[in-house]
Structures are given as C-alpha cells and as structure tokens.
Amino acid sequence: MGYIQEARENHVKKKVEEALRSKMKQKALKECDHYALKYAECATGRTISVVWQCRQQAKELNNCLHQHTNDAVLEKMKREYTLQQDAKGS
C-alpha cells in the first residue's frame, strides 16, 4: 500500500480526530489506573519531595500512559473509525 493511499484511508475530520484523541486518553487512564494509584499513594502528604521520592512511580505511570497514547494507537483508532464509517455507508 502506498503512502498516499494510506494517508487517504486514515484521514478523518479534525473534530473526529479530537474525539478519538480524547477517547484514547480516557482509555489510557483506565488501563494505567494501577500506576496512577501507586503514584497518588506515594504523593499523599508530600509537597516538594514528591519529585524525588515518587520518581519511580511517576516513571512507571508515564511509561504506561505512553504505551496507550502514541501515534500508532491513534492511527489504529482512525483506521477502525474509517472502516466503521465505510461499513455504515455500504
């Protein structure tokens, strides 16, 4: 499949892309809830020291979030959306 054809297939309107991004972020937060709770537990009662005391928990949370919120995931969601729309149109 050529680059131009792939770009056309994954093209969606700006509002749709924004909605898909929002959905992707919500799903990521749900998937990474365990790490968010660990970070929140570590951060409870701390102020400035949270930066160095909770560094590992923050890193784990960020790694998890990045796995679920990257360009590859968004492109996959766009393809799925496009396929759904094509199926509805048929």
PDB file of N, CA and C in Angstrom:
ATOM      1  N   MET A   1       0.862  -1.182   0.000  1.00  0.00           N
ATOM      2  CA  MET A   1       0.000   0.000   0.000  1.00  0.00           C
ATOM      3  C   MET A   1       0.894   1.227   0.000  1.00  0.00           C
ATOM      4  N   GLY A   2       0.584   2.155  -0.871  1.00  0.00           N
ATOM      5  CA  GLY A   2       1.380   3.364  -0.979  1.00  0.00           C
ATOM      6  C   GLY A   2       1.099   4.347   0.135  1.00  0.00           C
ATOM      7  N   TYR A   3       2.037   5.231   0.329  1.00  0.00           N
ATOM      8  CA  TYR A   3       1.924   6.241   1.383  1.00  0.00           C
ATOM      9  C   TYR A   3       0.704   7.134   1.179  1.00  0.00           C
ATOM     10  N   ILE A   4       0.463   7.557  -0.053  1.00  0.00           N
ATOM     11  CA  ILE A   4      -0.664   8.461  -0.334  1.00  0.00           C
ATOM     12  C   ILE A   4      -1.985   7.758  -0.082  1.00  0.00           C
ATOM     13  N   GLN A   5      -2.092   6.514  -0.505  1.00  0.00           N
ATOM     14  CA  GLN A   5      -3.336   5.764  -0.281  1.00  0.00           C
ATOM     15  C   GLN A   5      -3.571   5.562   1.212  1.00  0.00           C
ATOM     16  N   GLU A   6      -2.510   5.224   1.947  1.00  0.00           N
ATOM     17  CA  GLU A   6      -2.639   5.028   3.394  1.00  0.00           C
ATOM     18  C   GLU A   6      -3.052   6.327   4.076  1.00  0.00           C
ATOM     19  N   ALA A   7      -2.492   7.443   3.641  1.00  0.00           N
ATOM     20  CA  ALA A   7      -2.848   8.740   4.221  1.00  0.00           C
ATOM     21  C   ALA A   7      -4.316   9.054   3.970  1.00  0.00           C
ATOM     22  N   ARG A   8      -4.812   8.745   2.782  1.00  0.00           N
ATOM     23  CA  ARG A   8      -6.227   8.988   2.482  1.00  0.00           C
ATOM     24  C   ARG A   8      -7.135   8.131   3.346  1.00  0.00           C
ATOM     25  N   GLU A   9      -6.738   6.869   3.548  1.00  0.00           N
ATOM     26  CA  GLU A   9      -7.564   5.957   4.342  1.00  0.00           C
ATOM     27  C   GLU A   9      -7.621   6.370   5.804  1.00  0.00           C
ATOM     28  N   ASN A  10      -6.558   6.969   6.318  1.00  0.00           N
ATOM     29  CA  ASN A  10      -6.515   7.352   7.724  1.00  0.00           C
ATOM     30  C   ASN A  10      -6.942   8.797   7.962  1.00  0.00           C
ATOM     31  N   HIS A  11      -7.351   9.501   6.914  1.00  0.00           N
ATOM     32  CA  HIS A  11      -7.753  10.895   7.065  1.00  0.00           C
ATOM     33  C   HIS A  11      -9.162  10.977   7.653  1.00  0.00           C
ATOM     34  N   VAL A  12      -9.268  11.719   8.733  1.00  0.00           N
ATOM     35  CA  VAL A  12     -10.573  11.963   9.345  1.00  0.00           C
ATOM     36  C   VAL A  12     -10.675  13.463   9.617  1.00  0.00           C
ATOM     37  N   LYS A  13     -11.886  13.915   9.843  1.00  0.00           N
ATOM     38  CA  LYS A  13     -12.093  15.333  10.145  1.00  0.00           C
ATOM     39  C   LYS A  13     -11.452  15.686  11.485  1.00  0.00           C
ATOM     40  N   LYS A  14     -11.142  16.963  11.623  1.00  0.00           N
ATOM     41  CA  LYS A  14     -10.467  17.455  12.825  1.00  0.00           C
ATOM     42  C   LYS A  14     -11.264  17.136  14.097  1.00  0.00           C
ATOM     43  N   LYS A  15     -12.569  17.349  14.063  1.00  0.00           N
ATOM     44  CA  LYS A  15     -13.407  17.074  15.237  1.00  0.00           C
ATOM     45  C   LYS A  15     -13.389  15.598  15.592  1.00  0.00           C
ATOM     46  N   VAL A  16     -13.393  14.751  14.570  1.00  0.00           N
ATOM     47  CA  VAL A  16     -13.355  13.303  14.802  1.00  0.00           C
ATOM     48  C   VAL A  16     -12.020  12.923  15.424  1.00  0.00           C
ATOM     49  N   GLU A  17     -10.942  13.494  14.898  1.00  0.00           N
ATOM     50  CA  GLU A  17      -9.617  13.196  15.448  1.00  0.00           C
ATOM     51  C   GLU A  17      -9.524  13.633  16.908  1.00  0.00           C
ATOM     52  N   GLU A  18     -10.063  14.798  17.229  1.00  0.00           N
ATOM     53  CA  GLU A  18     -10.062  15.278  18.608  1.00  0.00           C
ATOM     54  C   GLU A  18     -10.852  14.336  19.511  1.00  0.00           C
ATOM     55  N   ALA A  19     -11.987  13.853  19.019  1.00  0.00           N
ATOM     56  CA  ALA A  19     -12.798  12.915  19.797  1.00  0.00           C
ATOM     57  C   ALA A  19     -12.055  11.602  19.995  1.00  0.00           C
ATOM     58  N   LEU A  20     -11.377  11.134  18.956  1.00  0.00           N
ATOM     59  CA  LEU A  20     -10.604   9.899  19.068  1.00  0.00           C
ATOM     60  C   LEU A  20      -9.439  10.063  20.044  1.00  0.00           C
ATOM     61  N   ARG A  21      -8.801  11.234  20.009  1.00  0.00           N
ATOM     62  CA  ARG A  21      -7.715  11.506  20.961  1.00  0.00           C
ATOM     63  C   ARG A  21      -8.231  11.484  22.396  1.00  0.00           C
ATOM     64  N   SER A  22      -9.375  12.094  22.612  1.00  0.00           N
ATOM     65  CA  SER A  22      -9.971  12.121  23.942  1.00  0.00           C
ATOM     66  C   SER A  22     -10.307  10.700  24.400  1.00  0.00           C
ATOM     67  N   LYS A  23     -10.872   9.915  23.509  1.00  0.00           N
ATOM     68  CA  LYS A  23     -11.202   8.530  23.827  1.00  0.00           C
ATOM     69  C   LYS A  23      -9.934   7.731  24.145  1.00  0.00           C
ATOM     70  N   MET A  24      -8.874   7.983  23.390  1.00  0.00           N
ATOM     71  CA  MET A  24      -7.599   7.302  23.599  1.00  0.00           C
ATOM     72  C   MET A  24      -7.055   7.636  24.987  1.00  0.00           C
ATOM     73  N   LYS A  25      -7.122   8.907  25.389  1.00  0.00           N
ATOM     74  CA  LYS A  25      -6.616   9.328  26.692  1.00  0.00           C
ATOM     75  C   LYS A  25      -7.425   8.717  27.826  1.00  0.00           C
ATOM     76  N   GLN A  26      -8.755   8.694  27.663  1.00  0.00           N
ATOM     77  CA  GLN A  26      -9.607   8.095  28.689  1.00  0.00           C
ATOM     78  C   GLN A  26      -9.294   6.612  28.860  1.00  0.00           C
ATOM     79  N   LYS A  27      -9.122   5.934  27.738  1.00  0.00           N
ATOM     80  CA  LYS A  27      -8.804   4.509  27.783  1.00  0.00           C
ATOM     81  C   LYS A  27      -7.447   4.284  28.446  1.00  0.00           C
ATOM     82  N   ALA A  28      -6.478   5.139  28.148  1.00  0.00           N
ATOM     83  CA  ALA A  28      -5.144   5.020  28.742  1.00  0.00           C
ATOM     84  C   ALA A  28      -5.201   5.208  30.253  1.00  0.00           C
ATOM     85  N   LEU A  29      -5.952   6.201  30.700  1.00  0.00           N
ATOM     86  CA  LEU A  29      -6.073   6.421  32.141  1.00  0.00           C
ATOM     87  C   LEU A  29      -6.709   5.222  32.829  1.00  0.00           C
ATOM     88  N   LYS A  30      -7.674   4.615  32.165  1.00  0.00           N
ATOM     89  CA  LYS A  30      -8.323   3.426  32.715  1.00  0.00           C
ATOM     90  C   LYS A  30      -7.335   2.257  32.779  1.00  0.00           C
ATOM     91  N   GLU A  31      -6.566   2.070  31.703  1.00  0.00           N
ATOM     92  CA  GLU A  31      -5.597   0.978  31.641  1.00  0.00           C
ATOM     93  C   GLU A  31      -4.466   1.163  32.652  1.00  0.00           C
ATOM     94  N   CYS A  32      -4.112   2.407  32.952  1.00  0.00           N
ATOM     95  CA  CYS A  32      -2.975   2.707  33.821  1.00  0.00           C
ATOM     96  C   CYS A  32      -3.410   3.092  35.233  1.00  0.00           C
ATOM     97  N   ASP A  33      -4.626   2.782  35.583  1.00  0.00           N
ATOM     98  CA  ASP A  33      -5.179   3.164  36.876  1.00  0.00           C
ATOM     99  C   ASP A  33      -4.320   2.655  38.034  1.00  0.00           C
ATOM    100  N   HIS A  34      -3.818   1.438  37.920  1.00  0.00           N
ATOM    101  CA  HIS A  34      -2.989   0.856  38.975  1.00  0.00           C
ATOM    102  C   HIS A  34      -1.765   1.731  39.248  1.00  0.00           C
ATOM    103  N   TYR A  35      -1.104   2.188  38.180  1.00  0.00           N
ATOM    104  CA  TYR A  35       0.086   3.032  38.335  1.00  0.00           C
ATOM    105  C   TYR A  35      -0.279   4.405  38.889  1.00  0.00           C
ATOM    106  N   ALA A  36      -1.426   4.912  38.486  1.00  0.00           N
ATOM    107  CA  ALA A  36      -1.874   6.209  38.994  1.00  0.00           C
ATOM    108  C   ALA A  36      -2.137   6.127  40.500  1.00  0.00           C
ATOM    109  N   LEU A  37      -2.726   5.025  40.934  1.00  0.00           N
ATOM    110  CA  LEU A  37      -2.983   4.846  42.367  1.00  0.00           C
ATOM    111  C   LEU A  37      -1.681   4.744  43.154  1.00  0.00           C
ATOM    112  N   LYS A  38      -0.710   4.009  42.610  1.00  0.00           N
ATOM    113  CA  LYS A  38       0.592   3.891  43.279  1.00  0.00           C
ATOM    114  C   LYS A  38       1.256   5.262  43.409  1.00  0.00           C
ATOM    115  N   TYR A  39       1.172   6.068  42.342  1.00  0.00           N
ATOM    116  CA  TYR A  39       1.759   7.405  42.372  1.00  0.00           C
ATOM    117  C   TYR A  39       1.017   8.283  43.383  1.00  0.00           C
ATOM    118  N   ALA A  40      -0.292   8.200  43.398  1.00  0.00           N
ATOM    119  CA  ALA A  40      -1.086   9.014  44.325  1.00  0.00           C
ATOM    120  C   ALA A  40      -0.782   8.636  45.770  1.00  0.00           C
ATOM    121  N   GLU A  41      -0.630   7.340  46.041  1.00  0.00           N
ATOM    122  CA  GLU A  41      -0.289   6.906  47.396  1.00  0.00           C
ATOM    123  C   GLU A  41       1.057   7.472  47.819  1.00  0.00           C
ATOM    124  N   CYS A  42       2.024   7.431  46.904  1.00  0.00           N
ATOM    125  CA  CYS A  42       3.356   7.957  47.206  1.00  0.00           C
ATOM    126  C   CYS A  42       3.304   9.466  47.436  1.00  0.00           C
ATOM    127  N   ALA A  43       2.523  10.163  46.640  1.00  0.00           N
ATOM    128  CA  ALA A  43       2.483  11.629  46.701  1.00  0.00           C
ATOM    129  C   ALA A  43       1.682  12.161  47.882  1.00  0.00           C
ATOM    130  N   THR A  44       0.837  11.327  48.486  1.00  0.00           N
ATOM    131  CA  THR A  44      -0.011  11.782  49.583  1.00  0.00           C
ATOM    132  C   THR A  44       0.840  12.301  50.745  1.00  0.00           C
ATOM    133  N   GLY A  45       0.554  13.516  51.160  1.00  0.00           N
ATOM    134  CA  GLY A  45       1.234  14.124  52.293  1.00  0.00           C
ATOM    135  C   GLY A  45       2.567  14.759  51.950  1.00  0.00           C
ATOM    136  N   ARG A  46       2.958  14.732  50.713  1.00  0.00           N
ATOM    137  CA  ARG A  46       4.244  15.311  50.304  1.00  0.00           C
ATOM    138  C   ARG A  46       4.009  16.605  49.533  1.00  0.00           C
ATOM    139  N   THR A  47       5.008  17.415  49.517  1.00  0.00           N
ATOM    140  CA  THR A  47       4.949  18.626  48.687  1.00  0.00           C
ATOM    141  C   THR A  47       6.108  18.560  47.691  1.00  0.00           C
ATOM    142  N   ILE A  48       7.175  19.249  47.965  1.00  0.00           N
ATOM    143  CA  ILE A  48       8.306  19.302  47.042  1.00  0.00           C
ATOM    144  C   ILE A  48       9.008  17.948  46.929  1.00  0.00           C
ATOM    145  N   SER A  49       9.056  17.192  48.005  1.00  0.00           N
ATOM    146  CA  SER A  49       9.787  15.919  47.990  1.00  0.00           C
ATOM    147  C   SER A  49       9.157  14.870  47.069  1.00  0.00           C
ATOM    148  N   VAL A  50       7.944  15.127  46.601  1.00  0.00           N
ATOM    149  CA  VAL A  50       7.293  14.177  45.694  1.00  0.00           C
ATOM    150  C   VAL A  50       8.144  13.968  44.440  1.00  0.00           C
ATOM    151  N   VAL A  51       8.883  14.988  44.037  1.00  0.00           N
ATOM    152  CA  VAL A  51       9.691  14.916  42.819  1.00  0.00           C
ATOM    153  C   VAL A  51      10.705  13.775  42.912  1.00  0.00           C
ATOM    154  N   TRP A  52      11.436  13.685  43.998  1.00  0.00           N
ATOM    155  CA  TRP A  52      12.455  12.642  44.090  1.00  0.00           C
ATOM    156  C   TRP A  52      11.967  11.397  44.816  1.00  0.00           C
ATOM    157  N   GLN A  53      11.015  11.524  45.711  1.00  0.00           N
ATOM    158  CA  GLN A  53      10.522  10.357  46.438  1.00  0.00           C
ATOM    159  C   GLN A  53       9.638   9.453  45.577  1.00  0.00           C
ATOM    160  N   CYS A  54       8.941  10.035  44.628  1.00  0.00           N
ATOM    161  CA  CYS A  54       7.989   9.271  43.810  1.00  0.00           C
ATOM    162  C   CYS A  54       8.433   9.170  42.357  1.00  0.00           C
ATOM    163  N   ARG A  55       9.720   9.346  42.133  1.00  0.00           N
ATOM    164  CA  ARG A  55      10.253   9.335  40.768  1.00  0.00           C
ATOM    165  C   ARG A  55       9.948   8.008  40.057  1.00  0.00           C
ATOM    166  N   GLN A  56      10.134   6.891  40.740  1.00  0.00           N
ATOM    167  CA  GLN A  56       9.904   5.579  40.124  1.00  0.00           C
ATOM    168  C   GLN A  56       8.430   5.397  39.760  1.00  0.00           C
ATOM    169  N   GLN A  57       7.523   5.757  40.658  1.00  0.00           N
ATOM    170  CA  GLN A  57       6.093   5.620  40.384  1.00  0.00           C
ATOM    171  C   GLN A  57       5.676   6.513  39.222  1.00  0.00           C
ATOM    172  N   ALA A  58       6.233   7.725  39.171  1.00  0.00           N
ATOM    173  CA  ALA A  58       5.908   8.645  38.074  1.00  0.00           C
ATOM    174  C   ALA A  58       6.410   8.079  36.752  1.00  0.00           C
ATOM    175  N   LYS A  59       7.592   7.490  36.771  1.00  0.00           N
ATOM    176  CA  LYS A  59       8.162   6.913  35.558  1.00  0.00           C
ATOM    177  C   LYS A  59       7.305   5.740  35.070  1.00  0.00           C
ATOM    178  N   GLU A  60       6.876   4.886  35.987  1.00  0.00           N
ATOM    179  CA  GLU A  60       6.025   3.754  35.624  1.00  0.00           C
ATOM    180  C   GLU A  60       4.698   4.229  35.027  1.00  0.00           C
ATOM    181  N   LEU A  61       4.108   5.246  35.654  1.00  0.00           N
ATOM    182  CA  LEU A  61       2.849   5.805  35.159  1.00  0.00           C
ATOM    183  C   LEU A  61       3.039   6.396  33.761  1.00  0.00           C
ATOM    184  N   ASN A  62       4.083   7.171  33.573  1.00  0.00           N
ATOM    185  CA  ASN A  62       4.333   7.781  32.261  1.00  0.00           C
ATOM    186  C   ASN A  62       4.596   6.737  31.185  1.00  0.00           C
ATOM    187  N   ASN A  63       5.334   5.687  31.526  1.00  0.00           N
ATOM    188  CA  ASN A  63       5.587   4.620  30.557  1.00  0.00           C
ATOM    189  C   ASN A  63       4.282   3.937  30.143  1.00  0.00           C
ATOM    190  N   CYS A  64       3.436   3.663  31.115  1.00  0.00           N
ATOM    191  CA  CYS A  64       2.149   3.032  30.823  1.00  0.00           C
ATOM    192  C   CYS A  64       1.294   3.943  29.938  1.00  0.00           C
ATOM    193  N   LEU A  65       1.210   5.212  30.314  1.00  0.00           N
ATOM    194  CA  LEU A  65       0.413   6.157  29.526  1.00  0.00           C
ATOM    195  C   LEU A  65       0.942   6.281  28.106  1.00  0.00           C
ATOM    196  N   HIS A  66       2.256   6.273  27.959  1.00  0.00           N
ATOM    197  CA  HIS A  66       2.833   6.390  26.624  1.00  0.00           C
ATOM    198  C   HIS A  66       2.518   5.169  25.757  1.00  0.00           C
ATOM    199  N   GLN A  67       2.444   4.001  26.360  1.00  0.00           N
ATOM    200  CA  GLN A  67       2.092   2.799  25.608  1.00  0.00           C
ATOM    201  C   GLN A  67       0.695   2.894  25.014  1.00  0.00           C
ATOM    202  N   HIS A  68      -0.184   3.612  25.697  1.00  0.00           N
ATOM    203  CA  HIS A  68      -1.584   3.683  25.279  1.00  0.00           C
ATOM    204  C   HIS A  68      -1.951   5.000  24.597  1.00  0.00           C
ATOM    205  N   THR A  69      -1.026   5.949  24.559  1.00  0.00           N
ATOM    206  CA  THR A  69      -1.303   7.234  23.910  1.00  0.00           C
ATOM    207  C   THR A  69      -0.140   7.624  23.011  1.00  0.00           C
ATOM    208  N   ASN A  70      -0.042   6.972  21.889  1.00  0.00           N
ATOM    209  CA  ASN A  70       1.004   7.327  20.927  1.00  0.00           C
ATOM    210  C   ASN A  70       0.390   7.373  19.532  1.00  0.00           C
ATOM    211  N   ASP A  71       1.182   7.783  18.574  1.00  0.00           N
ATOM    212  CA  ASP A  71       0.678   7.954  17.207  1.00  0.00           C
ATOM    213  C   ASP A  71       0.178   6.647  16.602  1.00  0.00           C
ATOM    214  N   ALA A  72       0.840   5.541  16.929  1.00  0.00           N
ATOM    215  CA  ALA A  72       0.426   4.243  16.382  1.00  0.00           C
ATOM    216  C   ALA A  72      -0.979   3.872  16.865  1.00  0.00           C
ATOM    217  N   VAL A  73      -1.245   4.120  18.132  1.00  0.00           N
ATOM    218  CA  VAL A  73      -2.571   3.820  18.683  1.00  0.00           C
ATOM    219  C   VAL A  73      -3.626   4.713  18.029  1.00  0.00           C
ATOM    220  N   LEU A  74      -3.306   5.988  17.868  1.00  0.00           N
ATOM    221  CA  LEU A  74      -4.245   6.922  17.235  1.00  0.00           C
ATOM    222  C   LEU A  74      -4.521   6.520  15.790  1.00  0.00           C
ATOM    223  N   GLU A  75      -3.488   6.144  15.060  1.00  0.00           N
ATOM    224  CA  GLU A  75      -3.681   5.720  13.667  1.00  0.00           C
ATOM    225  C   GLU A  75      -4.560   4.469  13.591  1.00  0.00           C
ATOM    226  N   LYS A  76      -4.366   3.563  14.519  1.00  0.00           N
ATOM    227  CA  LYS A  76      -5.199   2.349  14.563  1.00  0.00           C
ATOM    228  C   LYS A  76      -6.657   2.722  14.820  1.00  0.00           C
ATOM    229  N   MET A  77      -6.878   3.647  15.741  1.00  0.00           N
ATOM    230  CA  MET A  77      -8.238   4.090  16.036  1.00  0.00           C
ATOM    231  C   MET A  77      -8.861   4.774  14.823  1.00  0.00           C
ATOM    232  N   LYS A  78      -8.065   5.557  14.092  1.00  0.00           N
ATOM    233  CA  LYS A  78      -8.568   6.214  12.883  1.00  0.00           C
ATOM    234  C   LYS A  78      -8.977   5.187  11.834  1.00  0.00           C
ATOM    235  N   ARG A  79      -8.125   4.162  11.656  1.00  0.00           N
ATOM    236  CA  ARG A  79      -8.455   3.103  10.685  1.00  0.00           C
ATOM    237  C   ARG A  79      -9.757   2.406  11.062  1.00  0.00           C
ATOM    238  N   GLU A  80      -9.896   2.072  12.355  1.00  0.00           N
ATOM    239  CA  GLU A  80     -11.118   1.410  12.818  1.00  0.00           C
ATOM    240  C   GLU A  80     -12.335   2.299  12.590  1.00  0.00           C
ATOM    241  N   TYR A  81     -12.195   3.582  12.890  1.00  0.00           N
ATOM    242  CA  TYR A  81     -13.296   4.530  12.693  1.00  0.00           C
ATOM    243  C   TYR A  81     -13.667   4.599  11.214  1.00  0.00           C
ATOM    244  N   THR A  82     -12.659   4.698  10.358  1.00  0.00           N
ATOM    245  CA  THR A  82     -12.894   4.782   8.915  1.00  0.00           C
ATOM    246  C   THR A  82     -13.596   3.528   8.407  1.00  0.00           C
ATOM    247  N   LEU A  83     -13.155   2.373   8.873  1.00  0.00           N
ATOM    248  CA  LEU A  83     -13.798   1.116   8.473  1.00  0.00           C
ATOM    249  C   LEU A  83     -15.254   1.057   8.925  1.00  0.00           C
ATOM    250  N   GLN A  84     -15.509   1.538  10.139  1.00  0.00           N
ATOM    251  CA  GLN A  84     -16.885   1.577  10.656  1.00  0.00           C
ATOM    252  C   GLN A  84     -17.754   2.485   9.798  1.00  0.00           C
ATOM    253  N   GLN A  85     -17.206   3.642   9.434  1.00  0.00           N
ATOM    254  CA  GLN A  85     -17.960   4.582   8.623  1.00  0.00           C
ATOM    255  C   GLN A  85     -18.216   4.025   7.229  1.00  0.00           C
ATOM    256  N   ASP A  86     -17.221   3.340   6.675  1.00  0.00           N
ATOM    257  CA  ASP A  86     -17.397   2.714   5.357  1.00  0.00           C
ATOM    258  C   ASP A  86     -18.466   1.624   5.410  1.00  0.00           C
ATOM    259  N   ALA A  87     -18.476   0.874   6.501  1.00  0.00           N
ATOM    260  CA  ALA A  87     -19.464  -0.193   6.667  1.00  0.00           C
ATOM    261  C   ALA A  87     -20.878   0.386   6.782  1.00  0.00           C
ATOM    262  N   LYS A  88     -20.995   1.513   7.486  1.00  0.00           N
ATOM    263  CA  LYS A  88     -22.295   2.175   7.627  1.00  0.00           C
ATOM    264  C   LYS A  88     -22.781   2.700   6.291  1.00  0.00           C
ATOM    265  N   GLY A  89     -21.840   3.197   5.485  1.00  0.00           N
ATOM    266  CA  GLY A  89     -22.183   3.766   4.191  1.00  0.00           C
ATOM    267  C   GLY A  89     -22.564   2.721   3.160  1.00  0.00           C
ATOM    268  N   SER A  90     -22.122   1.512   3.361  1.00  0.00           N
ATOM    269  CA  SER A  90     -22.391   0.454   2.382  1.00  0.00           C
ATOM    270  C   SER A  90     -23.785  -0.105   2.501  1.00  0.00           C
TER     271      SER A  90
END
